[in-house]
């Protein structure tokens, strides 16, 4: 499984700095530094190669921290 991060903006590039992953039933998050840009109307795939070998599974929680934004984006 992989996660797709979409940038719906037609003008702004988003820089995904850090991805936090919490496995289903786990208390702690794993932290992975990405420093990848998502150009306008483009997407970024996040999978095992970006997550240091961690294979995403159904029920895992992801939190994305992007430069210039005060709040993280969380999804499951």
PDB file of N, CA and C in Angstrom:
ATOM      1  N   UNK A   1       0.831  -1.185   0.000  1.00  0.00           N
ATOM      2  CA  UNK A   1       0.000   0.000   0.000  1.00  0.00           C
ATOM      3  C   UNK A   1       0.873   1.245   0.000  1.00  0.00           C
ATOM      4  N   UNK A   2       0.391   2.270  -0.651  1.00  0.00           N
ATOM      5  CA  UNK A   2       1.053   3.566  -0.653  1.00  0.00           C
ATOM      6  C   UNK A   2       0.006   4.637  -0.372  1.00  0.00           C
ATOM      7  N   UNK A   3       0.465   5.784   0.069  1.00  0.00           N
ATOM      8  CA  UNK A   3      -0.409   6.942   0.274  1.00  0.00           C
ATOM      9  C   UNK A   3      -0.101   7.952  -0.817  1.00  0.00           C
ATOM     10  N   UNK A   4      -1.131   8.530  -1.379  1.00  0.00           N
ATOM     11  CA  UNK A   4      -0.968   9.583  -2.373  1.00  0.00           C
ATOM     12  C   UNK A   4      -1.304  10.919  -1.736  1.00  0.00           C
ATOM     13  N   UNK A   5      -0.397  11.872  -1.881  1.00  0.00           N
ATOM     14  CA  UNK A   5      -0.606  13.226  -1.384  1.00  0.00           C
ATOM     15  C   UNK A   5      -0.852  14.099  -2.602  1.00  0.00           C
ATOM     16  N   UNK A   6      -2.053  14.670  -2.685  1.00  0.00           N
ATOM     17  CA  UNK A   6      -2.429  15.493  -3.830  1.00  0.00           C
ATOM     18  C   UNK A   6      -2.375  16.965  -3.463  1.00  0.00           C
ATOM     19  N   UNK A   7      -1.889  17.771  -4.392  1.00  0.00           N
ATOM     20  CA  UNK A   7      -1.879  19.221  -4.234  1.00  0.00           C
ATOM     21  C   UNK A   7      -2.948  19.790  -5.160  1.00  0.00           C
ATOM     22  N   UNK A   8      -4.102  20.193  -4.611  1.00  0.00           N
ATOM     23  CA  UNK A   8      -5.186  20.699  -5.455  1.00  0.00           C
ATOM     24  C   UNK A   8      -4.989  22.142  -5.918  1.00  0.00           C
ATOM     25  N   UNK A   9      -3.985  22.827  -5.401  1.00  0.00           N
ATOM     26  CA  UNK A   9      -3.746  24.222  -5.772  1.00  0.00           C
ATOM     27  C   UNK A   9      -3.232  24.317  -7.206  1.00  0.00           C
ATOM     28  N   UNK A  10      -3.718  25.314  -7.916  1.00  0.00           N
ATOM     29  CA  UNK A  10      -3.257  25.545  -9.278  1.00  0.00           C
ATOM     30  C   UNK A  10      -2.031  26.455  -9.316  1.00  0.00           C
ATOM     31  N   UNK A  11      -1.651  27.016  -8.142  1.00  0.00           N
ATOM     32  CA  UNK A  11      -0.567  27.996  -8.142  1.00  0.00           C
ATOM     33  C   UNK A  11       0.524  27.734  -7.108  1.00  0.00           C
ATOM     34  N   UNK A  12       0.224  27.031  -6.048  1.00  0.00           N
ATOM     35  CA  UNK A  12       1.162  26.916  -4.929  1.00  0.00           C
ATOM     36  C   UNK A  12       1.834  25.544  -4.865  1.00  0.00           C
ATOM     37  N   UNK A  13       3.153  25.545  -4.714  1.00  0.00           N
ATOM     38  CA  UNK A  13       3.896  24.314  -4.479  1.00  0.00           C
ATOM     39  C   UNK A  13       3.916  24.055  -2.974  1.00  0.00           C
ATOM     40  N   UNK A  14       3.680  22.811  -2.587  1.00  0.00           N
ATOM     41  CA  UNK A  14       3.668  22.429  -1.172  1.00  0.00           C
ATOM     42  C   UNK A  14       4.914  21.597  -0.894  1.00  0.00           C
ATOM     43  N   UNK A  15       5.616  21.922   0.192  1.00  0.00           N
ATOM     44  CA  UNK A  15       6.782  21.145   0.578  1.00  0.00           C
ATOM     45  C   UNK A  15       6.423  20.270   1.776  1.00  0.00           C
ATOM     46  N   UNK A  16       6.399  18.961   1.543  1.00  0.00           N
ATOM     47  CA  UNK A  16       6.133  18.002   2.612  1.00  0.00           C
ATOM     48  C   UNK A  16       7.456  17.748   3.311  1.00  0.00           C
ATOM     49  N   UNK A  17       7.556  18.208   4.548  1.00  0.00           N
ATOM     50  CA  UNK A  17       8.814  18.120   5.284  1.00  0.00           C
ATOM     51  C   UNK A  17       8.958  16.802   6.032  1.00  0.00           C
ATOM     52  N   UNK A  18       7.912  16.418   6.766  1.00  0.00           N
ATOM     53  CA  UNK A  18       8.003  15.249   7.642  1.00  0.00           C
ATOM     54  C   UNK A  18       6.711  14.443   7.551  1.00  0.00           C
ATOM     55  N   UNK A  19       6.850  13.117   7.584  1.00  0.00           N
ATOM     56  CA  UNK A  19       5.707  12.216   7.663  1.00  0.00           C
ATOM     57  C   UNK A  19       5.827  11.431   8.966  1.00  0.00           C
ATOM     58  N   UNK A  20       4.735  11.395   9.714  1.00  0.00           N
ATOM     59  CA  UNK A  20       4.656  10.609  10.944  1.00  0.00           C
ATOM     60  C   UNK A  20       3.716   9.443  10.666  1.00  0.00           C
ATOM     61  N   UNK A  21       4.123   8.232  11.034  1.00  0.00           N
ATOM     62  CA  UNK A  21       3.301   7.044  10.812  1.00  0.00           C
ATOM     63  C   UNK A  21       3.087   6.346  12.141  1.00  0.00           C
ATOM     64  N   UNK A  22       1.826   5.998  12.411  1.00  0.00           N
ATOM     65  CA  UNK A  22       1.486   5.250  13.613  1.00  0.00           C
ATOM     66  C   UNK A  22       0.748   3.997  13.169  1.00  0.00           C
ATOM     67  N   UNK A  23       1.342   2.843  13.450  1.00  0.00           N
ATOM     68  CA  UNK A  23       0.722   1.581  13.091  1.00  0.00           C
ATOM     69  C   UNK A  23      -0.531   1.340  13.913  1.00  0.00           C
ATOM     70  N   UNK A  24      -1.463   0.601  13.343  1.00  0.00           N
ATOM     71  CA  UNK A  24      -2.717   0.295  14.034  1.00  0.00           C
ATOM     72  C   UNK A  24      -2.408  -0.410  15.347  1.00  0.00           C
ATOM     73  N   UNK A  25      -2.952   0.111  16.437  1.00  0.00           N
ATOM     74  CA  UNK A  25      -2.747  -0.487  17.753  1.00  0.00           C
ATOM     75  C   UNK A  25      -1.458  -0.069  18.435  1.00  0.00           C
ATOM     76  N   UNK A  26      -0.635   0.755  17.786  1.00  0.00           N
ATOM     77  CA  UNK A  26       0.615   1.213  18.395  1.00  0.00           C
ATOM     78  C   UNK A  26       0.420   2.575  19.046  1.00  0.00           C
ATOM     79  N   UNK A  27       1.179   2.849  20.099  1.00  0.00           N
ATOM     80  CA  UNK A  27       1.088   4.137  20.791  1.00  0.00           C
ATOM     81  C   UNK A  27       2.061   5.157  20.224  1.00  0.00           C
ATOM     82  N   UNK A  28       3.201   4.712  19.754  1.00  0.00           N
ATOM     83  CA  UNK A  28       4.254   5.608  19.273  1.00  0.00           C
ATOM     84  C   UNK A  28       4.170   5.798  17.758  1.00  0.00           C
ATOM     85  N   UNK A  29       4.621   6.978  17.316  1.00  0.00           N
ATOM     86  CA  UNK A  29       4.718   7.278  15.891  1.00  0.00           C
ATOM     87  C   UNK A  29       6.156   7.099  15.422  1.00  0.00           C
ATOM     88  N   UNK A  30       6.308   6.724  14.177  1.00  0.00           N
ATOM     89  CA  UNK A  30       7.612   6.722  13.524  1.00  0.00           C
ATOM     90  C   UNK A  30       7.708   8.025  12.740  1.00  0.00           C
ATOM     91  N   UNK A  31       8.895   8.615  12.686  1.00  0.00           N
ATOM     92  CA  UNK A  31       9.090   9.898  12.008  1.00  0.00           C
ATOM     93  C   UNK A  31      10.028   9.704  10.822  1.00  0.00           C
ATOM     94  N   UNK A  32       9.628  10.241   9.677  1.00  0.00           N
ATOM     95  CA  UNK A  32      10.438  10.150   8.463  1.00  0.00           C
ATOM     96  C   UNK A  32      10.545  11.521   7.821  1.00  0.00           C
ATOM     97  N   UNK A  33      11.759  11.950   7.590  1.00  0.00           N
ATOM     98  CA  UNK A  33      12.021  13.241   6.946  1.00  0.00           C
ATOM     99  C   UNK A  33      11.903  13.047   5.434  1.00  0.00           C
ATOM    100  N   UNK A  34      11.058  13.831   4.776  1.00  0.00           N
ATOM    101  CA  UNK A  34      10.876  13.704   3.327  1.00  0.00           C
ATOM    102  C   UNK A  34      11.517  14.835   2.551  1.00  0.00           C
ATOM    103  N   UNK A  35      11.177  16.081   2.914  1.00  0.00           N
ATOM    104  CA  UNK A  35      11.660  17.250   2.177  1.00  0.00           C
ATOM    105  C   UNK A  35      11.422  17.098   0.677  1.00  0.00           C
ATOM    106  N   UNK A  36      10.169  16.809   0.321  1.00  0.00           N
ATOM    107  CA  UNK A  36       9.790  16.653  -1.083  1.00  0.00           C
ATOM    108  C   UNK A  36       8.743  17.694  -1.446  1.00  0.00           C
ATOM    109  N   UNK A  37       8.835  18.227  -2.631  1.00  0.00           N
ATOM    110  CA  UNK A  37       7.878  19.218  -3.104  1.00  0.00           C
ATOM    111  C   UNK A  37       6.798  18.565  -3.945  1.00  0.00           C
ATOM    112  N   UNK A  38       5.572  19.079  -3.797  1.00  0.00           N
ATOM    113  CA  UNK A  38       4.454  18.653  -4.618  1.00  0.00           C
ATOM    114  C   UNK A  38       4.017  19.880  -5.405  1.00  0.00           C
ATOM    115  N   UNK A  39       4.277  19.857  -6.682  1.00  0.00           N
ATOM    116  CA  UNK A  39       3.972  20.994  -7.551  1.00  0.00           C
ATOM    117  C   UNK A  39       2.458  21.148  -7.700  1.00  0.00           C
ATOM    118  N   UNK A  40       1.999  22.322  -8.137  1.00  0.00           N
ATOM    119  CA  UNK A  40       0.565  22.544  -8.312  1.00  0.00           C
ATOM    120  C   UNK A  40      -0.088  21.464  -9.183  1.00  0.00           C
ATOM    121  N   UNK A  41      -1.244  20.994  -8.727  1.00  0.00           N
ATOM    122  CA  UNK A  41      -2.046  19.984  -9.422  1.00  0.00           C
ATOM    123  C   UNK A  41      -1.298  18.668  -9.642  1.00  0.00           C
ATOM    124  N   UNK A  42      -0.300  18.396  -8.814  1.00  0.00           N
ATOM    125  CA  UNK A  42       0.482  17.162  -8.919  1.00  0.00           C
ATOM    126  C   UNK A  42       0.269  16.344  -7.656  1.00  0.00           C
ATOM    127  N   UNK A  43       0.894  15.187  -7.600  1.00  0.00           N
ATOM    128  CA  UNK A  43       0.781  14.344  -6.414  1.00  0.00           C
ATOM    129  C   UNK A  43       2.125  13.713  -6.077  1.00  0.00           C
ATOM    130  N   UNK A  44       2.198  13.213  -4.864  1.00  0.00           N
ATOM    131  CA  UNK A  44       3.403  12.574  -4.338  1.00  0.00           C
ATOM    132  C   UNK A  44       2.977  11.232  -3.761  1.00  0.00           C
ATOM    133  N   UNK A  45       3.698  10.174  -4.086  1.00  0.00           N
ATOM    134  CA  UNK A  45       3.421   8.854  -3.549  1.00  0.00           C
ATOM    135  C   UNK A  45       4.357   8.592  -2.391  1.00  0.00           C
ATOM    136  N   UNK A  46       3.789   8.148  -1.267  1.00  0.00           N
ATOM    137  CA  UNK A  46       4.577   7.823  -0.081  1.00  0.00           C
ATOM    138  C   UNK A  46       4.361   6.348   0.224  1.00  0.00           C
ATOM    139  N   UNK A  47       5.442   5.588   0.155  1.00  0.00           N
ATOM    140  CA  UNK A  47       5.366   4.146   0.399  1.00  0.00           C
ATOM    141  C   UNK A  47       6.584   3.661   1.162  1.00  0.00           C
ATOM    142  N   UNK A  48       6.858   2.380   1.038  1.00  0.00           N
ATOM    143  CA  UNK A  48       7.921   1.770   1.845  1.00  0.00           C
ATOM    144  C   UNK A  48       9.282   2.391   1.587  1.00  0.00           C
ATOM    145  N   UNK A  49       9.580   2.833   0.359  1.00  0.00           N
ATOM    146  CA  UNK A  49      10.914   3.393   0.102  1.00  0.00           C
ATOM    147  C   UNK A  49      11.095   4.746   0.786  1.00  0.00           C
ATOM    148  N   UNK A  50      10.030   5.547   0.879  1.00  0.00           N
ATOM    149  CA  UNK A  50      10.106   6.832   1.578  1.00  0.00           C
ATOM    150  C   UNK A  50      10.039   6.655   3.094  1.00  0.00           C
ATOM    151  N   UNK A  51       9.502   5.519   3.534  1.00  0.00           N
ATOM    152  CA  UNK A  51       9.295   5.289   4.964  1.00  0.00           C
ATOM    153  C   UNK A  51      10.296   4.305   5.552  1.00  0.00           C
ATOM    154  N   UNK A  52      11.483   4.261   4.998  1.00  0.00           N
ATOM    155  CA  UNK A  52      12.556   3.449   5.565  1.00  0.00           C
ATOM    156  C   UNK A  52      12.235   1.967   5.654  1.00  0.00           C
ATOM    157  N   UNK A  53      11.451   1.455   4.695  1.00  0.00           N
ATOM    158  CA  UNK A  53      11.113   0.038   4.692  1.00  0.00           C
ATOM    159  C   UNK A  53       9.783  -0.285   5.368  1.00  0.00           C
ATOM    160  N   UNK A  54       9.158   0.704   6.029  1.00  0.00           N
ATOM    161  CA  UNK A  54       7.862   0.467   6.674  1.00  0.00           C
ATOM    162  C   UNK A  54       6.812   0.296   5.582  1.00  0.00           C
ATOM    163  N   UNK A  55       6.083  -0.801   5.623  1.00  0.00           N
ATOM    164  CA  UNK A  55       5.017  -1.048   4.658  1.00  0.00           C
ATOM    165  C   UNK A  55       3.691  -0.634   5.274  1.00  0.00           C
ATOM    166  N   UNK A  56       3.033   0.311   4.632  1.00  0.00           N
ATOM    167  CA  UNK A  56       1.752   0.786   5.129  1.00  0.00           C
ATOM    168  C   UNK A  56       0.721  -0.334   5.103  1.00  0.00           C
ATOM    169  N   UNK A  57      -0.105  -0.363   6.140  1.00  0.00           N
ATOM    170  CA  UNK A  57      -1.168  -1.351   6.243  1.00  0.00           C
ATOM    171  C   UNK A  57      -2.480  -0.628   6.516  1.00  0.00           C
ATOM    172  N   UNK A  58      -3.568  -1.280   6.196  1.00  0.00           N
ATOM    173  CA  UNK A  58      -4.890  -0.718   6.473  1.00  0.00           C
ATOM    174  C   UNK A  58      -4.988  -0.399   7.959  1.00  0.00           C
ATOM    175  N   UNK A  59      -5.439   0.805   8.281  1.00  0.00           N
ATOM    176  CA  UNK A  59      -5.571   1.229   9.670  1.00  0.00           C
ATOM    177  C   UNK A  59      -4.402   2.039  10.195  1.00  0.00           C
ATOM    178  N   UNK A  60      -3.289   2.101   9.449  1.00  0.00           N
ATOM    179  CA  UNK A  60      -2.171   2.958   9.859  1.00  0.00           C
ATOM    180  C   UNK A  60      -2.610   4.420   9.783  1.00  0.00           C
ATOM    181  N   UNK A  61      -2.089   5.230  10.679  1.00  0.00           N
ATOM    182  CA  UNK A  61      -2.390   6.656  10.686  1.00  0.00           C
ATOM    183  C   UNK A  61      -1.178   7.426  10.192  1.00  0.00           C
ATOM    184  N   UNK A  62      -1.415   8.391   9.324  1.00  0.00           N
ATOM    185  CA  UNK A  62      -0.356   9.250   8.806  1.00  0.00           C
ATOM    186  C   UNK A  62      -0.640  10.684   9.193  1.00  0.00           C
ATOM    187  N   UNK A  63       0.435  11.390   9.470  1.00  0.00           N
ATOM    188  CA  UNK A  63       0.352  12.821   9.744  1.00  0.00           C
ATOM    189  C   UNK A  63       1.447  13.477   8.935  1.00  0.00           C
ATOM    190  N   UNK A  64       1.081  14.481   8.151  1.00  0.00           N
ATOM    191  CA  UNK A  64       2.042  15.167   7.289  1.00  0.00           C
ATOM    192  C   UNK A  64       2.280  16.573   7.806  1.00  0.00           C
ATOM    193  N   UNK A  65       3.531  16.952   7.887  1.00  0.00           N
ATOM    194  CA  UNK A  65       3.905  18.317   8.267  1.00  0.00           C
ATOM    195  C   UNK A  65       4.495  18.983   7.031  1.00  0.00           C
ATOM    196  N   UNK A  66       3.879  20.099   6.640  1.00  0.00           N
ATOM    197  CA  UNK A  66       4.314  20.830   5.448  1.00  0.00           C
ATOM    198  C   UNK A  66       4.843  22.190   5.854  1.00  0.00           C
ATOM    199  N   UNK A  67       5.919  22.609   5.223  1.00  0.00           N
ATOM    200  CA  UNK A  67       6.487  23.926   5.489  1.00  0.00           C
ATOM    201  C   UNK A  67       5.458  25.009   5.173  1.00  0.00           C
ATOM    202  N   UNK A  68       5.365  26.005   6.063  1.00  0.00           N
ATOM    203  CA  UNK A  68       4.481  27.132   5.844  1.00  0.00           C
ATOM    204  C   UNK A  68       3.065  26.941   6.358  1.00  0.00           C
ATOM    205  N   UNK A  69       2.754  25.779   6.932  1.00  0.00           N
ATOM    206  CA  UNK A  69       1.417  25.513   7.461  1.00  0.00           C
ATOM    207  C   UNK A  69       1.510  25.292   8.967  1.00  0.00           C
ATOM    208  N   UNK A  70       0.562  25.863   9.702  1.00  0.00           N
ATOM    209  CA  UNK A  70       0.583  25.777  11.151  1.00  0.00           C
ATOM    210  C   UNK A  70       0.012  24.490  11.713  1.00  0.00           C
ATOM    211  N   UNK A  71      -0.737  23.754  10.900  1.00  0.00           N
ATOM    212  CA  UNK A  71      -1.364  22.526  11.358  1.00  0.00           C
ATOM    213  C   UNK A  71      -0.940  21.368  10.466  1.00  0.00           C
ATOM    214  N   UNK A  72      -0.802  20.205  11.064  1.00  0.00           N
ATOM    215  CA  UNK A  72      -0.468  19.010  10.304  1.00  0.00           C
ATOM    216  C   UNK A  72      -1.743  18.427   9.679  1.00  0.00           C
ATOM    217  N   UNK A  73      -1.583  17.696   8.590  1.00  0.00           N
ATOM    218  CA  UNK A  73      -2.683  16.996   7.954  1.00  0.00           C
ATOM    219  C   UNK A  73      -2.639  15.557   8.431  1.00  0.00           C
ATOM    220  N   UNK A  74      -3.749  15.067   8.978  1.00  0.00           N
ATOM    221  CA  UNK A  74      -3.799  13.705   9.496  1.00  0.00           C
ATOM    222  C   UNK A  74      -4.808  12.898   8.693  1.00  0.00           C
ATOM    223  N   UNK A  75      -4.486  11.627   8.452  1.00  0.00           N
ATOM    224  CA  UNK A  75      -5.411  10.734   7.755  1.00  0.00           C
ATOM    225  C   UNK A  75      -5.145   9.298   8.195  1.00  0.00           C
ATOM    226  N   UNK A  76      -6.080   8.423   7.868  1.00  0.00           N
ATOM    227  CA  UNK A  76      -5.935   7.002   8.196  1.00  0.00           C
ATOM    228  C   UNK A  76      -6.083   6.211   6.925  1.00  0.00           C
TER     229      UNK A  76
END
